[in-house]
Amino acid sequence: MKQDHPTVVIEAAKDKDGKPEARPAKIGKAAGHLTKLHLKVPASDWEHLVLLAVVQRPDAVVVIQCDCAWERRALWETDFNQILSTFELR
């Protein structure tokens, strides 16, 4: 992201109580961690939601990244969560 937008500001997305949206979560059937990030480019209307799902394995770390325009996040988060619920390690 920094290559495409060198001035991008990346911070944890916050819930309605102002708390960062990062927590342990089930990613499909696997235990993992879910983090929501708010990306902004100063002096621009470019804003995105990046949802990161992370599952640690003994031999690797699996990261799933979902990205959408910030103003469309309510719609896309539902789809992202539905996709993540189907995640399966083999």
N, C-alpha and C. Protein backbone atom coordinates (compact mmCIF):
# COMPACT_ATOMS: atom_id res chain seq x y z
N MET A 1 0.83 -1.19 0.00
CA MET A 1 0.00 0.00 0.00
C MET A 1 0.87 1.25 0.00
N LYS A 2 1.95 1.22 0.78
CA LYS A 2 2.84 2.38 0.85
C LYS A 2 3.51 2.66 -0.50
N GLN A 3 3.71 1.63 -1.32
CA GLN A 3 4.29 1.86 -2.64
C GLN A 3 3.34 2.65 -3.53
N ASP A 4 2.06 2.30 -3.50
CA ASP A 4 1.07 2.99 -4.33
C ASP A 4 0.67 4.35 -3.77
N HIS A 5 0.65 4.44 -2.45
CA HIS A 5 0.23 5.67 -1.76
C HIS A 5 1.22 5.97 -0.64
N PRO A 6 2.35 6.61 -0.95
CA PRO A 6 3.41 6.82 0.06
C PRO A 6 2.96 7.57 1.30
N THR A 7 1.91 8.38 1.20
CA THR A 7 1.48 9.16 2.36
C THR A 7 0.31 8.52 3.11
N VAL A 8 -0.03 7.30 2.77
CA VAL A 8 -1.18 6.65 3.40
C VAL A 8 -0.99 6.57 4.92
N VAL A 9 -2.08 6.80 5.63
CA VAL A 9 -2.11 6.67 7.09
C VAL A 9 -2.89 5.40 7.39
N ILE A 10 -2.27 4.51 8.15
CA ILE A 10 -2.90 3.23 8.49
C ILE A 10 -3.13 3.21 9.99
N GLU A 11 -4.38 3.05 10.38
CA GLU A 11 -4.70 2.96 11.81
C GLU A 11 -5.79 1.92 12.02
N ALA A 12 -5.89 1.45 13.23
CA ALA A 12 -6.93 0.48 13.56
C ALA A 12 -8.30 1.14 13.39
N ALA A 13 -9.21 0.45 12.72
CA ALA A 13 -10.59 0.92 12.64
C ALA A 13 -11.17 0.81 14.04
N LYS A 14 -12.04 1.73 14.40
CA LYS A 14 -12.59 1.76 15.75
C LYS A 14 -14.09 1.46 15.71
N ASP A 15 -14.55 0.78 16.76
CA ASP A 15 -15.98 0.50 16.86
C ASP A 15 -16.70 1.75 17.36
N LYS A 16 -18.00 1.64 17.59
CA LYS A 16 -18.79 2.81 17.99
C LYS A 16 -18.39 3.36 19.35
N ASP A 17 -17.69 2.54 20.18
CA ASP A 17 -17.21 3.00 21.47
C ASP A 17 -15.78 3.54 21.40
N GLY A 18 -15.22 3.60 20.21
CA GLY A 18 -13.87 4.12 20.04
C GLY A 18 -12.76 3.12 20.31
N LYS A 19 -13.13 1.83 20.43
CA LYS A 19 -12.13 0.78 20.69
C LYS A 19 -11.66 0.18 19.36
N PRO A 20 -10.35 -0.13 19.26
CA PRO A 20 -9.84 -0.75 18.03
C PRO A 20 -10.55 -2.07 17.75
N GLU A 21 -10.83 -2.30 16.48
CA GLU A 21 -11.49 -3.54 16.07
C GLU A 21 -10.45 -4.59 15.71
N ALA A 22 -9.93 -5.22 16.75
CA ALA A 22 -8.95 -6.30 16.59
C ALA A 22 -9.25 -7.30 17.70
N ARG A 23 -9.39 -8.57 17.32
CA ARG A 23 -9.79 -9.56 18.33
C ARG A 23 -9.47 -10.97 17.85
N PRO A 24 -9.35 -11.89 18.80
CA PRO A 24 -9.28 -13.30 18.41
C PRO A 24 -10.61 -13.66 17.74
N ALA A 25 -10.55 -14.53 16.74
CA ALA A 25 -11.77 -14.88 16.02
C ALA A 25 -11.62 -16.24 15.36
N LYS A 26 -12.74 -16.86 15.09
CA LYS A 26 -12.76 -18.07 14.29
C LYS A 26 -12.67 -17.63 12.83
N ILE A 27 -11.70 -18.16 12.12
CA ILE A 27 -11.58 -17.93 10.69
C ILE A 27 -11.93 -19.27 10.06
N GLY A 28 -13.17 -19.38 9.62
CA GLY A 28 -13.69 -20.69 9.22
C GLY A 28 -13.71 -21.56 10.46
N LYS A 29 -13.03 -22.70 10.41
CA LYS A 29 -12.98 -23.61 11.56
C LYS A 29 -11.70 -23.43 12.36
N ALA A 30 -10.83 -22.53 11.94
CA ALA A 30 -9.53 -22.34 12.60
C ALA A 30 -9.56 -21.17 13.57
N ALA A 31 -8.80 -21.30 14.64
CA ALA A 31 -8.64 -20.18 15.57
C ALA A 31 -7.69 -19.18 14.93
N GLY A 32 -8.02 -17.91 15.01
CA GLY A 32 -7.18 -16.90 14.39
C GLY A 32 -7.39 -15.55 15.01
N HIS A 33 -7.05 -14.53 14.26
CA HIS A 33 -7.18 -13.15 14.73
C HIS A 33 -7.73 -12.31 13.58
N LEU A 34 -8.63 -11.41 13.89
CA LEU A 34 -9.25 -10.55 12.90
C LEU A 34 -8.97 -9.10 13.26
N THR A 35 -8.45 -8.34 12.32
CA THR A 35 -8.14 -6.93 12.53
C THR A 35 -8.74 -6.11 11.40
N LYS A 36 -9.34 -4.99 11.76
CA LYS A 36 -9.87 -4.07 10.76
C LYS A 36 -9.03 -2.80 10.79
N LEU A 37 -8.58 -2.39 9.61
CA LEU A 37 -7.74 -1.20 9.49
C LEU A 37 -8.45 -0.13 8.66
N HIS A 38 -8.22 1.11 9.04
CA HIS A 38 -8.75 2.26 8.30
C HIS A 38 -7.57 2.93 7.63
N LEU A 39 -7.56 2.95 6.31
CA LEU A 39 -6.48 3.56 5.55
C LEU A 39 -6.98 4.85 4.93
N LYS A 40 -6.17 5.92 5.06
CA LYS A 40 -6.54 7.23 4.50
C LYS A 40 -5.31 7.85 3.85
N VAL A 41 -5.54 8.56 2.78
CA VAL A 41 -4.49 9.37 2.17
C VAL A 41 -4.84 10.82 2.48
N PRO A 42 -3.98 11.51 3.24
CA PRO A 42 -4.26 12.92 3.58
C PRO A 42 -4.46 13.77 2.33
N ALA A 43 -5.28 14.78 2.45
CA ALA A 43 -5.59 15.72 1.37
C ALA A 43 -6.17 15.01 0.16
N SER A 44 -6.91 13.94 0.43
CA SER A 44 -7.53 13.16 -0.64
C SER A 44 -8.82 12.56 -0.09
N ASP A 45 -9.70 12.14 -0.98
CA ASP A 45 -10.92 11.46 -0.53
C ASP A 45 -10.75 9.95 -0.54
N TRP A 46 -9.51 9.48 -0.76
CA TRP A 46 -9.22 8.04 -0.79
C TRP A 46 -9.20 7.49 0.63
N GLU A 47 -10.14 6.58 0.92
CA GLU A 47 -10.22 5.90 2.22
C GLU A 47 -10.63 4.47 1.96
N HIS A 48 -10.01 3.54 2.69
CA HIS A 48 -10.34 2.13 2.51
C HIS A 48 -10.43 1.42 3.85
N LEU A 49 -11.20 0.36 3.86
CA LEU A 49 -11.22 -0.60 4.96
C LEU A 49 -10.40 -1.79 4.50
N VAL A 50 -9.48 -2.22 5.34
CA VAL A 50 -8.75 -3.46 5.08
C VAL A 50 -9.03 -4.37 6.26
N LEU A 51 -9.55 -5.53 5.96
CA LEU A 51 -9.84 -6.53 6.97
C LEU A 51 -8.78 -7.62 6.83
N LEU A 52 -8.04 -7.88 7.90
CA LEU A 52 -7.00 -8.91 7.89
C LEU A 52 -7.41 -10.06 8.80
N ALA A 53 -7.43 -11.25 8.24
CA ALA A 53 -7.69 -12.46 9.01
C ALA A 53 -6.37 -13.24 9.03
N VAL A 54 -5.92 -13.61 10.22
CA VAL A 54 -4.63 -14.28 10.36
C VAL A 54 -4.83 -15.60 11.11
N VAL A 55 -4.26 -16.66 10.55
CA VAL A 55 -4.28 -17.98 11.18
C VAL A 55 -2.85 -18.48 11.25
N GLN A 56 -2.38 -18.77 12.47
CA GLN A 56 -1.03 -19.30 12.62
C GLN A 56 -1.05 -20.81 12.54
N ARG A 57 -0.12 -21.33 11.77
CA ARG A 57 0.07 -22.77 11.62
C ARG A 57 1.48 -23.08 12.12
N PRO A 58 1.78 -24.33 12.46
CA PRO A 58 3.12 -24.65 12.92
C PRO A 58 4.21 -24.33 11.88
N ASP A 59 3.86 -24.43 10.61
CA ASP A 59 4.86 -24.24 9.56
C ASP A 59 4.67 -22.96 8.74
N ALA A 60 3.63 -22.18 9.03
CA ALA A 60 3.36 -20.99 8.23
C ALA A 60 2.31 -20.11 8.91
N VAL A 61 2.18 -18.91 8.40
CA VAL A 61 1.12 -18.00 8.82
C VAL A 61 0.28 -17.72 7.59
N VAL A 62 -1.03 -17.92 7.72
CA VAL A 62 -1.95 -17.66 6.62
C VAL A 62 -2.62 -16.31 6.88
N VAL A 63 -2.56 -15.42 5.89
CA VAL A 63 -3.18 -14.11 6.00
C VAL A 63 -4.15 -13.94 4.84
N ILE A 64 -5.36 -13.57 5.17
CA ILE A 64 -6.36 -13.26 4.16
C ILE A 64 -6.65 -11.77 4.28
N GLN A 65 -6.51 -11.05 3.17
CA GLN A 65 -6.73 -9.61 3.17
C GLN A 65 -7.94 -9.27 2.33
N CYS A 66 -8.87 -8.54 2.91
CA CYS A 66 -10.06 -8.06 2.21
C CYS A 66 -10.00 -6.54 2.22
N ASP A 67 -10.37 -5.92 1.11
CA ASP A 67 -10.19 -4.48 0.95
C ASP A 67 -11.39 -3.90 0.21
N CYS A 68 -11.88 -2.77 0.69
CA CYS A 68 -12.96 -2.07 0.00
C CYS A 68 -12.91 -0.58 0.32
N ALA A 69 -13.63 0.19 -0.47
CA ALA A 69 -13.75 1.62 -0.19
C ALA A 69 -14.44 1.81 1.16
N TRP A 70 -13.96 2.76 1.94
CA TRP A 70 -14.46 2.99 3.30
C TRP A 70 -15.97 3.23 3.31
N GLU A 71 -16.47 4.00 2.36
CA GLU A 71 -17.90 4.34 2.37
C GLU A 71 -18.78 3.14 2.02
N ARG A 72 -18.20 2.07 1.49
CA ARG A 72 -18.96 0.85 1.13
C ARG A 72 -18.73 -0.28 2.14
N ARG A 73 -18.09 0.01 3.26
CA ARG A 73 -17.68 -1.05 4.19
C ARG A 73 -18.85 -1.83 4.77
N ALA A 74 -19.97 -1.19 5.06
CA ALA A 74 -21.11 -1.91 5.65
C ALA A 74 -21.58 -3.03 4.73
N LEU A 75 -21.64 -2.75 3.45
CA LEU A 75 -22.04 -3.75 2.48
C LEU A 75 -20.99 -4.86 2.37
N TRP A 76 -19.73 -4.47 2.19
CA TRP A 76 -18.68 -5.45 1.94
C TRP A 76 -18.31 -6.27 3.15
N GLU A 77 -18.38 -5.72 4.34
CA GLU A 77 -18.03 -6.49 5.55
C GLU A 77 -18.88 -7.74 5.68
N THR A 78 -20.14 -7.64 5.34
CA THR A 78 -21.03 -8.80 5.39
C THR A 78 -20.51 -9.89 4.44
N ASP A 79 -20.15 -9.49 3.24
CA ASP A 79 -19.61 -10.46 2.28
C ASP A 79 -18.27 -11.02 2.73
N PHE A 80 -17.39 -10.15 3.24
CA PHE A 80 -16.09 -10.61 3.72
C PHE A 80 -16.25 -11.64 4.83
N ASN A 81 -17.13 -11.37 5.77
CA ASN A 81 -17.34 -12.30 6.89
C ASN A 81 -17.92 -13.62 6.40
N GLN A 82 -18.79 -13.56 5.42
CA GLN A 82 -19.35 -14.79 4.86
C GLN A 82 -18.25 -15.63 4.20
N ILE A 83 -17.38 -14.99 3.45
CA ILE A 83 -16.26 -15.70 2.81
C ILE A 83 -15.33 -16.28 3.87
N LEU A 84 -14.98 -15.49 4.88
CA LEU A 84 -14.08 -15.98 5.92
C LEU A 84 -14.66 -17.16 6.69
N SER A 85 -15.98 -17.20 6.81
CA SER A 85 -16.60 -18.30 7.55
C SER A 85 -16.43 -19.64 6.82
N THR A 86 -16.11 -19.59 5.54
CA THR A 86 -15.94 -20.83 4.77
C THR A 86 -14.47 -21.28 4.69
N PHE A 87 -13.57 -20.52 5.30
CA PHE A 87 -12.15 -20.84 5.24
C PHE A 87 -11.88 -22.22 5.85
N GLU A 88 -11.05 -22.98 5.17
CA GLU A 88 -10.75 -24.34 5.64
C GLU A 88 -9.28 -24.66 5.34
N LEU A 89 -8.57 -25.10 6.36
CA LEU A 89 -7.19 -25.53 6.17
C LEU A 89 -7.18 -27.00 5.76
N ARG A 90 -6.31 -27.35 4.85
CA ARG A 90 -6.21 -28.75 4.42
C ARG A 90 -4.80 -29.23 4.58
